[in-house]
N, C-alpha and C. Protein backbone atom coordinates (compact mmCIF):
# COMPACT_ATOMS: atom_id res chain seq x y z
N UNK A 1 -6.98 -42.02 31.07
CA UNK A 1 -7.61 -43.19 30.99
C UNK A 1 -9.02 -43.07 31.53
N UNK A 2 -9.88 -43.58 30.83
CA UNK A 2 -11.24 -43.63 31.30
C UNK A 2 -11.71 -44.84 31.91
N UNK A 3 -12.62 -45.10 32.90
CA UNK A 3 -13.04 -46.20 33.48
C UNK A 3 -14.27 -46.76 33.03
N UNK A 4 -14.85 -46.07 31.99
CA UNK A 4 -16.14 -46.37 31.51
C UNK A 4 -15.97 -47.98 30.82
N UNK A 5 -17.04 -48.59 31.02
CA UNK A 5 -17.07 -49.91 30.30
C UNK A 5 -16.98 -50.05 28.77
N UNK A 6 -16.89 -51.03 28.18
CA UNK A 6 -16.90 -51.05 26.79
C UNK A 6 -18.28 -50.96 26.11
N UNK A 7 -18.14 -50.09 25.08
CA UNK A 7 -19.47 -49.79 24.30
C UNK A 7 -20.29 -51.01 23.85
N UNK A 8 -21.25 -51.11 23.11
CA UNK A 8 -21.93 -52.11 22.65
C UNK A 8 -21.04 -52.49 21.16
N UNK A 9 -20.59 -51.41 20.70
CA UNK A 9 -20.02 -51.77 19.25
C UNK A 9 -18.69 -52.42 19.74
N UNK A 10 -18.12 -51.96 20.65
CA UNK A 10 -16.71 -52.56 21.14
C UNK A 10 -16.78 -54.23 21.65
N UNK A 11 -17.99 -54.45 22.29
CA UNK A 11 -18.34 -55.86 22.56
C UNK A 11 -18.49 -56.64 21.24
N UNK A 12 -19.20 -55.84 20.26
CA UNK A 12 -19.47 -56.78 19.09
C UNK A 12 -18.10 -57.00 18.36
N UNK A 13 -17.33 -56.06 18.37
CA UNK A 13 -15.92 -56.22 17.69
C UNK A 13 -15.19 -57.44 18.52
N UNK A 14 -15.35 -57.51 19.86
CA UNK A 14 -14.69 -58.58 20.67
C UNK A 14 -15.22 -60.01 19.97
N UNK A 15 -16.54 -60.00 20.05
CA UNK A 15 -17.05 -61.21 19.33
C UNK A 15 -16.55 -61.56 17.86
N UNK A 16 -16.48 -60.52 17.14
CA UNK A 16 -15.98 -60.71 15.61
C UNK A 16 -14.57 -61.22 15.60
N UNK A 17 -13.70 -60.71 16.57
CA UNK A 17 -12.34 -61.30 16.62
C UNK A 17 -12.29 -62.76 17.09
N UNK A 18 -13.03 -63.00 18.10
CA UNK A 18 -13.12 -64.05 18.61
C UNK A 18 -13.25 -65.32 17.42
N UNK A 19 -14.34 -65.00 16.59
CA UNK A 19 -14.59 -65.79 15.60
C UNK A 19 -13.55 -65.90 14.42
N UNK A 20 -12.78 -64.97 14.26
CA UNK A 20 -11.86 -64.83 13.09
C UNK A 20 -10.21 -64.87 13.49
N UNK A 21 -10.13 -65.11 14.71
CA UNK A 21 -8.58 -65.04 15.19
C UNK A 21 -7.81 -65.91 14.46
N UNK A 22 -8.32 -67.18 14.30
CA UNK A 22 -7.46 -68.12 13.78
C UNK A 22 -7.33 -68.25 12.20
N UNK A 23 -8.18 -67.32 11.55
CA UNK A 23 -8.19 -67.30 10.10
C UNK A 23 -7.51 -65.84 9.85
N UNK A 24 -7.40 -65.12 10.68
CA UNK A 24 -7.03 -63.70 10.32
C UNK A 24 -5.80 -63.65 9.64
N UNK A 25 -4.83 -64.24 9.77
CA UNK A 25 -3.19 -64.15 9.29
C UNK A 25 -3.53 -64.64 7.85
N UNK A 26 -4.12 -65.65 7.58
CA UNK A 26 -4.43 -66.11 5.97
C UNK A 26 -5.07 -65.02 5.29
N UNK A 27 -6.00 -64.51 5.90
CA UNK A 27 -6.83 -63.48 5.15
C UNK A 27 -6.06 -62.15 4.86
N UNK A 28 -5.17 -61.73 6.03
CA UNK A 28 -4.66 -60.46 5.59
C UNK A 28 -3.14 -60.51 4.88
N UNK A 29 -2.79 -61.76 4.73
CA UNK A 29 -1.36 -62.03 4.19
C UNK A 29 -1.38 -61.58 2.84
N UNK A 30 -2.45 -61.92 2.14
CA UNK A 30 -2.43 -61.25 0.57
C UNK A 30 -2.37 -59.89 0.59
N UNK A 31 -3.15 -59.23 1.34
CA UNK A 31 -3.27 -57.76 1.15
C UNK A 31 -1.94 -57.28 1.42
N UNK A 32 -1.15 -57.68 2.51
CA UNK A 32 0.08 -57.35 2.92
C UNK A 32 1.31 -57.55 1.87
N UNK A 33 1.01 -58.58 0.95
CA UNK A 33 2.04 -58.80 -0.17
C UNK A 33 1.81 -57.90 -1.40
N UNK A 34 0.66 -57.14 -1.15
CA UNK A 34 0.14 -56.27 -2.49
C UNK A 34 -0.10 -54.84 -1.87
N UNK A 35 -1.30 -54.52 -1.71
CA UNK A 35 -1.57 -53.15 -1.31
C UNK A 35 -0.79 -52.66 -0.14
N UNK A 36 -0.66 -53.29 0.68
CA UNK A 36 -0.01 -52.90 2.12
C UNK A 36 1.60 -53.55 1.93
N UNK A 37 2.17 -53.63 0.92
CA UNK A 37 3.45 -54.10 0.82
C UNK A 37 4.44 -53.20 1.51
N UNK A 38 5.35 -53.35 2.40
CA UNK A 38 6.28 -52.56 2.94
C UNK A 38 5.86 -51.97 4.35
N UNK A 39 4.62 -52.03 4.54
CA UNK A 39 3.82 -51.16 5.59
C UNK A 39 4.43 -51.73 7.06
N UNK A 40 4.58 -53.08 7.26
CA UNK A 40 5.15 -53.47 8.53
C UNK A 40 6.65 -52.99 8.74
N UNK A 41 7.29 -53.09 7.38
CA UNK A 41 8.74 -52.68 7.48
C UNK A 41 8.73 -51.08 8.05
N UNK A 42 7.88 -50.35 7.30
CA UNK A 42 7.86 -48.96 7.61
C UNK A 42 7.64 -48.61 8.99
N UNK A 43 6.73 -49.55 9.52
CA UNK A 43 6.45 -49.05 11.04
C UNK A 43 7.68 -49.54 11.88
N UNK A 44 8.45 -50.79 11.70
CA UNK A 44 9.18 -50.98 12.61
C UNK A 44 10.41 -50.22 12.45
N UNK A 45 10.66 -49.66 11.40
CA UNK A 45 11.86 -48.73 11.25
C UNK A 45 11.61 -47.34 12.01
N UNK A 46 10.38 -47.11 12.37
CA UNK A 46 10.19 -45.82 13.07
C UNK A 46 9.80 -45.91 14.64
N UNK A 47 9.82 -47.32 15.13
CA UNK A 47 9.47 -47.64 16.54
C UNK A 47 10.78 -47.77 17.27
N UNK A 48 10.83 -47.10 18.42
CA UNK A 48 12.19 -47.24 19.24
C UNK A 48 11.49 -47.09 20.66
N UNK A 49 12.49 -47.59 21.43
CA UNK A 49 12.38 -47.26 22.88
C UNK A 49 11.36 -48.24 23.60
N UNK A 50 10.55 -47.70 24.47
CA UNK A 50 9.32 -48.47 24.99
C UNK A 50 8.23 -48.34 23.89
N UNK A 51 7.74 -49.28 23.30
CA UNK A 51 6.93 -49.50 22.38
C UNK A 51 5.43 -50.02 22.69
N UNK A 52 4.57 -49.30 22.44
CA UNK A 52 3.08 -49.96 22.59
C UNK A 52 2.40 -50.14 21.42
N UNK A 53 2.24 -51.27 20.91
CA UNK A 53 1.28 -51.67 19.60
C UNK A 53 -0.11 -51.66 20.09
N UNK A 54 -0.97 -50.69 19.63
CA UNK A 54 -2.28 -50.79 19.98
C UNK A 54 -3.18 -51.69 18.95
N UNK A 55 -4.05 -52.37 19.51
CA UNK A 55 -4.68 -53.51 18.50
C UNK A 55 -3.47 -54.54 17.82
N UNK A 56 -2.65 -55.07 18.53
CA UNK A 56 -1.55 -55.75 18.17
C UNK A 56 -2.11 -57.15 17.41
N UNK A 57 -3.23 -57.41 17.53
CA UNK A 57 -3.94 -58.48 16.86
C UNK A 57 -3.07 -59.94 17.07
N UNK A 58 -2.57 -60.43 16.02
CA UNK A 58 -1.84 -61.59 15.88
C UNK A 58 -0.47 -61.48 16.04
N UNK A 59 -0.14 -60.14 16.15
CA UNK A 59 1.48 -59.80 16.19
C UNK A 59 2.30 -59.90 14.95
N UNK A 60 1.76 -59.59 13.75
CA UNK A 60 2.24 -59.73 12.43
C UNK A 60 3.23 -58.55 12.27
N UNK A 61 3.22 -57.48 13.08
CA UNK A 61 4.40 -56.57 13.17
C UNK A 61 5.61 -57.14 13.78
N UNK A 62 5.45 -58.15 14.68
CA UNK A 62 6.52 -58.49 15.69
C UNK A 62 8.06 -58.48 14.84
N UNK A 63 7.88 -59.34 13.69
CA UNK A 63 9.31 -59.59 13.07
C UNK A 63 10.02 -58.54 12.79
N UNK A 64 9.37 -57.20 12.63
CA UNK A 64 9.73 -56.07 12.09
C UNK A 64 10.16 -55.11 12.88
N UNK A 65 10.35 -55.42 14.33
CA UNK A 65 10.75 -54.52 15.32
C UNK A 65 12.32 -54.69 15.58
N UNK A 66 12.95 -53.73 15.98
CA UNK A 66 14.35 -53.74 16.20
C UNK A 66 14.43 -54.58 17.44
N UNK A 67 15.65 -54.97 17.51
CA UNK A 67 16.15 -55.88 18.93
C UNK A 67 16.06 -55.05 20.10
N UNK A 68 16.37 -53.88 20.03
CA UNK A 68 16.47 -53.12 21.14
C UNK A 68 15.10 -52.35 21.66
N UNK A 69 13.87 -52.67 21.07
CA UNK A 69 12.69 -52.06 21.63
C UNK A 69 12.27 -53.02 22.96
N UNK A 70 11.45 -52.30 23.52
CA UNK A 70 10.75 -52.97 24.78
C UNK A 70 9.28 -52.83 24.25
N UNK A 71 8.67 -54.01 24.18
CA UNK A 71 7.40 -53.94 23.40
C UNK A 71 6.31 -54.45 24.31
N UNK A 72 5.15 -53.65 24.42
CA UNK A 72 4.00 -54.04 25.04
C UNK A 72 2.89 -54.10 23.78
N UNK A 73 2.10 -55.00 23.92
CA UNK A 73 0.97 -55.20 22.96
C UNK A 73 -0.22 -55.42 23.83
N UNK A 74 -1.25 -54.32 23.11
CA UNK A 74 -2.64 -54.59 23.83
C UNK A 74 -3.78 -54.76 22.75
N UNK A 75 -4.46 -55.73 22.96
CA UNK A 75 -5.60 -56.05 22.00
C UNK A 75 -7.03 -56.42 22.85
N UNK A 76 -8.13 -56.08 22.28
CA UNK A 76 -9.40 -56.53 22.59
C UNK A 76 -9.55 -57.83 22.92
N UNK A 77 -9.04 -58.61 21.75
CA UNK A 77 -9.35 -60.24 21.81
C UNK A 77 -8.31 -61.06 22.54
N UNK A 78 -8.74 -61.74 23.33
CA UNK A 78 -7.59 -62.78 24.22
C UNK A 78 -7.41 -63.88 23.07
N UNK A 79 -8.26 -64.20 22.25
CA UNK A 79 -7.82 -65.22 21.17
C UNK A 79 -6.79 -64.62 20.19
N UNK A 80 -6.71 -63.20 19.72
CA UNK A 80 -5.72 -62.81 19.03
C UNK A 80 -4.44 -62.57 19.75
N UNK A 81 -4.71 -62.38 21.19
CA UNK A 81 -3.36 -62.23 21.87
C UNK A 81 -2.84 -63.62 21.86
N UNK A 82 -3.53 -64.56 22.11
CA UNK A 82 -2.79 -66.02 22.42
C UNK A 82 -1.85 -66.31 21.11
N UNK A 83 -2.30 -65.85 19.99
CA UNK A 83 -1.72 -66.11 18.89
C UNK A 83 -0.33 -65.16 18.57
N UNK A 84 -0.46 -63.72 19.24
CA UNK A 84 0.82 -62.98 19.13
C UNK A 84 1.81 -63.64 20.03
N UNK A 85 1.25 -64.16 21.34
CA UNK A 85 2.21 -64.81 22.07
C UNK A 85 2.99 -65.77 21.63
N UNK A 86 2.05 -66.69 20.97
CA UNK A 86 2.94 -67.73 20.30
C UNK A 86 4.02 -67.30 19.22
N UNK A 87 3.64 -66.27 18.42
CA UNK A 87 4.53 -65.61 17.56
C UNK A 87 5.87 -65.16 18.02
N UNK A 88 5.38 -64.43 19.32
CA UNK A 88 6.80 -64.03 19.92
C UNK A 88 7.68 -64.97 20.53
N UNK A 89 7.13 -66.05 21.02
CA UNK A 89 7.82 -67.26 21.51
C UNK A 89 8.54 -67.75 20.29
N UNK A 90 8.02 -67.98 19.21
CA UNK A 90 8.71 -68.49 17.65
C UNK A 90 9.72 -67.76 17.46
N UNK A 91 9.55 -66.31 17.86
CA UNK A 91 10.79 -65.24 17.38
C UNK A 91 11.85 -65.23 18.27
N UNK A 92 11.75 -65.64 19.58
CA UNK A 92 12.44 -65.60 20.85
C UNK A 92 12.37 -64.13 21.31
N UNK A 93 11.32 -63.54 21.12
CA UNK A 93 11.18 -62.17 21.57
C UNK A 93 10.36 -61.90 22.71
N UNK A 94 11.02 -61.16 23.54
CA UNK A 94 10.33 -60.78 25.01
C UNK A 94 9.18 -59.72 24.62
N UNK A 95 7.89 -59.73 25.03
CA UNK A 95 7.14 -58.79 24.79
C UNK A 95 5.83 -58.99 25.96
N UNK A 96 5.30 -57.94 26.43
CA UNK A 96 4.21 -58.01 27.23
C UNK A 96 3.07 -57.76 26.76
N UNK A 97 2.08 -58.72 26.55
CA UNK A 97 0.82 -58.52 25.98
C UNK A 97 -0.36 -58.44 27.09
N UNK A 98 -1.26 -57.44 26.69
CA UNK A 98 -2.53 -57.30 27.75
C UNK A 98 -3.71 -56.98 26.98
N UNK A 99 -4.56 -57.42 27.66
CA UNK A 99 -6.12 -57.38 26.83
C UNK A 99 -6.42 -56.01 27.48
N UNK A 100 -7.14 -55.32 26.47
CA UNK A 100 -7.56 -54.13 26.66
C UNK A 100 -8.33 -53.19 25.62
N UNK A 101 -8.94 -52.18 25.64
CA UNK A 101 -9.77 -51.63 24.75
C UNK A 101 -8.87 -50.33 24.14
N UNK A 102 -8.61 -50.12 23.00
CA UNK A 102 -7.98 -49.00 22.33
C UNK A 102 -8.74 -47.75 22.82
N UNK A 103 -9.76 -47.65 23.10
CA UNK A 103 -10.44 -46.39 23.58
C UNK A 103 -10.36 -45.99 24.92
N UNK A 104 -9.81 -46.98 25.82
CA UNK A 104 -9.54 -46.91 27.05
C UNK A 104 -8.34 -47.53 27.49
N UNK A 105 -7.14 -47.07 27.00
CA UNK A 105 -5.83 -47.74 27.39
C UNK A 105 -5.50 -47.99 28.81
N UNK A 106 -5.09 -49.01 29.30
CA UNK A 106 -4.74 -49.31 30.73
C UNK A 106 -3.39 -48.95 30.97
N UNK A 107 -2.95 -47.74 30.79
CA UNK A 107 -1.36 -47.11 30.97
C UNK A 107 -1.72 -45.90 31.40
N UNK A 108 -0.59 -45.37 32.17
CA UNK A 108 -0.53 -44.13 32.71
C UNK A 108 -0.08 -43.10 31.79
N UNK A 109 -0.30 -41.99 31.85
CA UNK A 109 0.24 -40.79 30.86
C UNK A 109 1.49 -41.10 30.50
N UNK A 110 2.06 -40.93 29.37
CA UNK A 110 3.45 -40.78 28.88
C UNK A 110 4.33 -41.90 29.39
N UNK A 111 3.57 -43.01 29.14
CA UNK A 111 4.34 -44.33 29.59
C UNK A 111 5.41 -44.95 28.41
N UNK A 112 5.10 -44.59 27.07
CA UNK A 112 5.64 -45.02 26.08
C UNK A 112 6.38 -43.82 25.15
N UNK A 113 7.59 -44.41 24.41
CA UNK A 113 8.36 -43.64 23.56
C UNK A 113 7.64 -43.63 22.31
N UNK A 114 7.16 -44.85 21.82
CA UNK A 114 6.41 -44.88 20.40
C UNK A 114 5.14 -45.79 20.75
N UNK A 115 4.04 -45.08 20.13
CA UNK A 115 2.90 -46.00 19.99
C UNK A 115 2.51 -46.07 18.52
N UNK A 116 2.21 -47.54 18.35
CA UNK A 116 2.09 -47.99 16.84
C UNK A 116 0.56 -48.30 16.90
N UNK A 117 -0.15 -48.32 15.66
CA UNK A 117 -1.59 -49.06 15.41
C UNK A 117 -1.49 -49.24 13.77
N UNK A 118 -1.56 -50.54 13.55
CA UNK A 118 -1.55 -50.89 12.31
C UNK A 118 -2.89 -51.78 11.83
N UNK A 119 -3.63 -51.12 10.92
CA UNK A 119 -4.73 -51.74 10.29
C UNK A 119 -5.82 -52.02 11.29
N UNK A 120 -6.02 -51.11 12.26
CA UNK A 120 -7.05 -51.20 13.14
C UNK A 120 -8.00 -50.04 13.38
N UNK A 121 -7.38 -48.92 13.18
CA UNK A 121 -8.48 -47.77 13.21
C UNK A 121 -9.72 -47.92 12.20
N UNK A 122 -9.34 -48.74 11.15
CA UNK A 122 -10.72 -49.04 10.31
C UNK A 122 -11.83 -49.69 11.03
N UNK A 123 -11.46 -50.44 12.11
CA UNK A 123 -12.49 -51.30 12.86
C UNK A 123 -12.74 -50.90 14.09
N UNK A 124 -11.78 -49.84 14.91
CA UNK A 124 -12.09 -49.57 16.25
C UNK A 124 -13.46 -48.54 16.02
N UNK A 125 -14.33 -48.77 17.04
CA UNK A 125 -15.80 -48.02 16.89
C UNK A 125 -15.51 -46.54 16.81
N UNK A 126 -14.52 -45.91 17.75
CA UNK A 126 -14.42 -44.45 17.95
C UNK A 126 -12.81 -44.37 17.65
N UNK A 127 -12.53 -44.15 16.56
CA UNK A 127 -11.01 -43.88 16.24
C UNK A 127 -10.52 -42.56 16.86
N UNK A 128 -11.26 -41.73 16.87
CA UNK A 128 -11.01 -40.36 17.51
C UNK A 128 -10.68 -40.80 18.98
N UNK A 129 -11.35 -41.32 19.74
CA UNK A 129 -11.02 -41.60 21.12
C UNK A 129 -9.91 -42.63 21.23
N UNK A 130 -9.73 -43.54 20.28
CA UNK A 130 -8.35 -44.20 20.41
C UNK A 130 -7.04 -43.49 20.03
N UNK A 131 -7.24 -42.51 19.29
CA UNK A 131 -6.06 -41.73 19.08
C UNK A 131 -5.86 -40.60 20.25
N UNK A 132 -6.96 -40.27 21.06
CA UNK A 132 -6.69 -39.33 22.01
C UNK A 132 -5.83 -40.24 22.96
N UNK A 133 -6.22 -41.41 23.22
CA UNK A 133 -5.55 -42.12 24.08
C UNK A 133 -4.31 -42.60 23.77
N UNK A 134 -3.93 -42.74 22.60
CA UNK A 134 -2.43 -42.83 21.95
C UNK A 134 -1.88 -41.83 22.31
N UNK A 135 -2.24 -40.53 22.19
CA UNK A 135 -1.61 -39.17 22.32
C UNK A 135 -1.33 -39.07 23.94
N UNK A 136 -2.19 -39.76 24.57
CA UNK A 136 -2.24 -39.56 26.15
C UNK A 136 -0.97 -40.43 26.55
N UNK A 137 -0.67 -41.47 26.22
CA UNK A 137 0.15 -42.49 26.53
C UNK A 137 1.69 -42.26 26.09
N UNK A 138 1.72 -41.71 25.18
CA UNK A 138 3.07 -41.53 24.49
C UNK A 138 3.75 -40.37 25.24
N UNK A 139 5.03 -40.22 25.38
CA UNK A 139 5.75 -39.25 25.92
C UNK A 139 5.78 -37.94 25.23
N UNK A 140 5.96 -36.58 25.63
CA UNK A 140 6.48 -35.58 24.93
C UNK A 140 7.45 -35.80 24.15
N UNK A 141 7.31 -35.51 22.75
CA UNK A 141 8.46 -35.83 21.78
C UNK A 141 8.42 -37.10 21.16
N UNK A 142 7.48 -37.97 21.67
CA UNK A 142 7.40 -39.31 21.29
C UNK A 142 6.54 -39.68 20.19
N UNK A 143 6.77 -40.53 19.42
CA UNK A 143 5.97 -40.86 18.03
C UNK A 143 4.75 -41.77 18.26
N UNK A 144 3.73 -41.36 17.33
CA UNK A 144 2.65 -42.15 16.99
C UNK A 144 2.55 -42.51 15.75
N UNK A 145 2.81 -43.86 15.32
CA UNK A 145 2.93 -44.30 14.05
C UNK A 145 1.86 -45.23 13.57
N UNK A 146 1.28 -44.84 12.59
CA UNK A 146 0.01 -45.24 11.91
C UNK A 146 0.02 -45.92 10.37
N UNK A 147 -0.61 -46.76 10.32
CA UNK A 147 -0.82 -47.65 8.87
C UNK A 147 -2.28 -48.12 8.78
N UNK A 148 -2.98 -47.63 7.73
CA UNK A 148 -4.25 -47.94 7.55
C UNK A 148 -4.79 -47.90 6.17
N UNK A 149 -5.96 -48.62 5.77
CA UNK A 149 -6.44 -48.41 4.36
C UNK A 149 -7.75 -47.37 4.51
N UNK A 150 -7.69 -46.39 3.85
CA UNK A 150 -8.68 -45.36 3.85
C UNK A 150 -9.58 -45.05 2.46
N UNK A 151 -10.33 -43.92 2.83
CA UNK A 151 -11.03 -43.72 1.38
C UNK A 151 -10.07 -43.18 0.42
N UNK A 152 -10.24 -43.79 -0.85
CA UNK A 152 -9.41 -43.40 -1.80
C UNK A 152 -9.96 -41.95 -2.53
N UNK A 153 -9.03 -41.46 -3.19
CA UNK A 153 -9.28 -39.99 -4.04
C UNK A 153 -9.91 -40.40 -5.31
N UNK A 154 -9.96 -41.55 -5.69
CA UNK A 154 -10.37 -41.96 -7.12
C UNK A 154 -11.72 -42.36 -6.80
N UNK A 155 -12.57 -41.64 -7.68
CA UNK A 155 -13.74 -41.93 -7.59
C UNK A 155 -14.52 -43.27 -7.71
N UNK A 156 -13.83 -44.02 -8.73
CA UNK A 156 -14.33 -45.38 -8.93
C UNK A 156 -13.96 -46.26 -7.63
N UNK A 157 -12.76 -46.04 -7.49
CA UNK A 157 -12.41 -46.72 -6.24
C UNK A 157 -13.20 -46.68 -4.94
N UNK A 158 -13.38 -45.23 -4.72
CA UNK A 158 -14.25 -44.90 -3.62
C UNK A 158 -15.55 -45.45 -3.69
N UNK A 159 -16.21 -45.53 -4.86
CA UNK A 159 -17.45 -46.00 -4.99
C UNK A 159 -17.64 -47.44 -4.77
N UNK A 160 -16.39 -48.23 -5.25
CA UNK A 160 -16.24 -49.70 -5.01
C UNK A 160 -16.26 -49.86 -3.33
N UNK A 161 -15.25 -48.78 -2.75
CA UNK A 161 -15.46 -49.15 -1.11
C UNK A 161 -16.60 -48.88 -0.47
N UNK A 162 -17.17 -47.89 -0.82
CA UNK A 162 -18.62 -47.55 -0.23
C UNK A 162 -19.45 -48.81 -0.39
N UNK A 163 -19.64 -49.27 -1.59
CA UNK A 163 -20.54 -50.48 -1.76
C UNK A 163 -20.04 -51.73 -0.81
N UNK A 164 -18.89 -51.90 -0.82
CA UNK A 164 -18.24 -53.07 0.15
C UNK A 164 -18.76 -52.73 1.50
N UNK A 165 -18.70 -51.42 2.15
CA UNK A 165 -19.06 -51.06 3.35
C UNK A 165 -20.31 -51.51 3.71
N UNK A 166 -21.24 -51.46 2.79
CA UNK A 166 -22.60 -52.05 3.14
C UNK A 166 -22.62 -53.36 3.61
N UNK A 167 -21.60 -54.08 3.59
CA UNK A 167 -21.47 -55.41 4.14
C UNK A 167 -20.38 -55.60 5.07
N UNK A 168 -19.28 -55.06 4.84
CA UNK A 168 -18.17 -55.05 5.93
C UNK A 168 -18.25 -54.34 7.42
N UNK A 169 -19.33 -53.45 7.17
CA UNK A 169 -19.53 -52.51 8.45
C UNK A 169 -20.45 -53.48 9.33
N UNK A 170 -21.58 -53.96 8.83
CA UNK A 170 -22.65 -54.63 9.63
C UNK A 170 -22.10 -56.20 10.07
N UNK A 171 -21.31 -56.58 9.11
CA UNK A 171 -20.73 -58.13 9.29
C UNK A 171 -19.59 -58.18 10.38
N UNK A 172 -18.66 -57.14 10.13
CA UNK A 172 -17.45 -57.26 11.14
C UNK A 172 -17.09 -55.83 11.45
N UNK A 173 -17.83 -54.78 11.39
CA UNK A 173 -17.41 -53.49 11.82
C UNK A 173 -16.46 -52.83 11.22
N UNK A 174 -15.98 -53.25 10.02
CA UNK A 174 -14.83 -52.80 9.23
C UNK A 174 -15.52 -51.70 8.10
N UNK A 175 -14.74 -50.30 8.54
CA UNK A 175 -15.07 -49.27 7.65
C UNK A 175 -13.80 -49.14 6.69
N UNK A 176 -14.19 -48.77 5.41
CA UNK A 176 -13.27 -48.73 3.97
C UNK A 176 -13.20 -47.37 3.73
N UNK A 177 -14.09 -46.35 4.22
CA UNK A 177 -13.95 -45.01 3.77
C UNK A 177 -13.68 -43.92 4.81
N UNK A 178 -13.02 -44.50 5.97
CA UNK A 178 -12.57 -43.40 6.86
C UNK A 178 -11.30 -42.68 6.44
N UNK A 179 -10.99 -41.52 7.16
CA UNK A 179 -9.80 -41.01 6.98
C UNK A 179 -9.29 -40.52 8.28
N UNK A 180 -8.23 -40.36 8.84
CA UNK A 180 -7.70 -40.43 10.11
C UNK A 180 -6.87 -38.98 10.33
N UNK A 181 -6.44 -38.42 9.36
CA UNK A 181 -5.35 -37.32 9.50
C UNK A 181 -6.03 -36.14 10.38
N UNK A 182 -7.28 -35.63 10.11
CA UNK A 182 -7.84 -34.75 11.02
C UNK A 182 -8.05 -35.14 12.46
N UNK A 183 -8.24 -36.50 12.34
CA UNK A 183 -8.57 -37.11 13.97
C UNK A 183 -7.16 -36.95 14.67
N UNK A 184 -6.03 -37.27 13.94
CA UNK A 184 -4.72 -37.01 14.49
C UNK A 184 -4.31 -35.84 15.00
N UNK A 185 -4.55 -35.00 14.15
CA UNK A 185 -4.41 -33.42 14.45
C UNK A 185 -5.34 -33.22 15.67
N UNK A 186 -6.48 -33.67 15.69
CA UNK A 186 -7.56 -33.06 16.66
C UNK A 186 -7.10 -33.78 18.00
N UNK A 187 -6.19 -34.68 18.12
CA UNK A 187 -5.89 -35.38 19.34
C UNK A 187 -4.66 -34.47 19.63
N UNK A 188 -4.14 -33.59 19.18
CA UNK A 188 -3.25 -32.79 19.63
C UNK A 188 -1.86 -33.18 19.08
N UNK A 189 -1.83 -34.16 18.15
CA UNK A 189 -0.47 -34.77 17.64
C UNK A 189 0.12 -33.69 16.52
N UNK A 190 1.37 -33.67 16.28
CA UNK A 190 1.83 -32.88 15.30
C UNK A 190 2.22 -33.94 14.03
N UNK A 191 1.67 -33.85 12.86
CA UNK A 191 1.99 -35.01 11.88
C UNK A 191 3.53 -34.48 11.10
N UNK A 192 4.55 -35.39 11.18
CA UNK A 192 5.59 -35.04 10.57
C UNK A 192 5.86 -36.05 9.40
N UNK A 193 5.15 -36.90 9.27
CA UNK A 193 5.16 -37.87 7.93
C UNK A 193 3.87 -38.16 7.61
N UNK A 194 3.54 -38.11 6.42
CA UNK A 194 2.25 -38.38 5.82
C UNK A 194 2.19 -38.86 4.42
N UNK A 195 1.90 -40.16 4.21
CA UNK A 195 2.17 -40.43 2.67
C UNK A 195 0.83 -41.34 2.36
N UNK A 196 0.57 -41.01 1.19
CA UNK A 196 -0.64 -41.89 0.53
C UNK A 196 -0.32 -42.53 -0.49
N UNK A 197 -0.67 -43.96 -0.55
CA UNK A 197 -0.44 -44.94 -1.56
C UNK A 197 -1.41 -45.60 -2.06
N UNK A 198 -1.17 -46.40 -3.16
CA UNK A 198 -2.38 -47.15 -3.80
C UNK A 198 -3.59 -46.31 -4.15
N UNK A 199 -3.43 -45.44 -5.08
CA UNK A 199 -4.62 -44.33 -5.27
C UNK A 199 -5.04 -43.82 -4.16
N UNK A 200 -4.19 -43.63 -3.11
CA UNK A 200 -4.80 -42.89 -1.88
C UNK A 200 -5.40 -43.70 -0.88
N UNK A 201 -5.62 -45.12 -1.36
CA UNK A 201 -6.34 -45.89 -0.31
C UNK A 201 -5.63 -46.49 1.02
N UNK A 202 -4.13 -46.28 0.99
CA UNK A 202 -3.55 -46.47 2.09
C UNK A 202 -2.82 -45.25 2.49
N UNK A 203 -2.83 -45.09 3.73
CA UNK A 203 -1.94 -44.06 4.38
C UNK A 203 -1.16 -44.41 5.51
N UNK A 204 0.04 -44.00 5.47
CA UNK A 204 1.00 -43.95 6.74
C UNK A 204 1.15 -42.63 7.12
N UNK A 205 1.08 -42.74 8.39
CA UNK A 205 1.38 -41.42 9.16
C UNK A 205 2.35 -41.47 10.25
N UNK A 206 3.08 -40.69 10.83
CA UNK A 206 3.91 -40.59 11.64
C UNK A 206 3.77 -39.27 12.28
N UNK A 207 3.30 -39.05 13.64
CA UNK A 207 2.86 -37.89 14.30
C UNK A 207 3.66 -37.85 15.82
N UNK A 208 3.74 -36.59 16.36
CA UNK A 208 4.75 -36.35 17.60
C UNK A 208 3.69 -35.93 18.44
N UNK A 209 3.90 -36.04 19.70
CA UNK A 209 3.41 -35.14 20.77
C UNK A 209 4.15 -34.33 21.17
N UNK A 210 3.65 -32.96 21.09
CA UNK A 210 4.51 -31.77 21.31
C UNK A 210 4.91 -31.79 22.70
N UNK A 211 6.06 -30.99 22.94
CA UNK A 211 6.89 -30.83 24.17
C UNK A 211 8.14 -31.41 24.20
N UNK A 212 8.72 -31.67 25.35
CA UNK A 212 10.26 -31.97 25.47
C UNK A 212 10.29 -33.21 24.81
N UNK A 213 11.52 -33.42 24.18
CA UNK A 213 11.73 -34.84 23.56
C UNK A 213 11.95 -35.72 24.66
N UNK A 214 11.75 -37.10 24.39
CA UNK A 214 11.99 -38.08 25.40
C UNK A 214 13.30 -38.01 25.96
N UNK A 215 14.31 -37.61 25.37
CA UNK A 215 15.66 -37.52 25.94
C UNK A 215 16.04 -36.47 26.98
N UNK A 216 15.03 -35.49 26.87
CA UNK A 216 15.18 -34.33 27.83
C UNK A 216 14.63 -34.63 29.17
N UNK A 217 15.30 -33.85 30.05
CA UNK A 217 14.60 -33.96 31.40
C UNK A 217 13.41 -33.11 31.41
N UNK A 218 12.43 -33.38 32.20
CA UNK A 218 11.10 -32.58 32.34
C UNK A 218 10.97 -32.29 33.59
């Protein structure tokens, strides 16, 4: 866990989510019914034990977690967290929500059995730093579960993504052509599931931190 203050880019993202918190659900719902269909369910099926959701946002994954998980959600935006808290209350779900930076998670090493990050590495300024933090706070043998949109393998789609980025990056810090598999491996995690969907523009990854499993004494 680093004690450095947030970067200029991180502060910009905080301002962005302050502006868009109330409209986020409506904007993302269409994508989750189409190109991202099934992704929240995929996450929920792989999350167990003490679960940390990084960049939990408005809590759109909450309905898909099993009843026996202990959930902590962290997000840069207090406005997004307020919506997540309301969603948890409406679901009758106990969860601990905290404001924090994905690049400097406010948790001790090995605090969680599963770490989840959905549709956020595209806008976190330094995804490599965030993934290193996720690897740090998950227990040896625990899982890091990721879903995001990434650069497509199809040339015409990639060209469209690149053009859109001329607007999405300066306006809201959203990258459409990143890929994260190499960063996951660079963080010291072992990839055990990796699937590409929608012409390669959506990726789902489950990786594990090497070492004793969470059920073994250390």
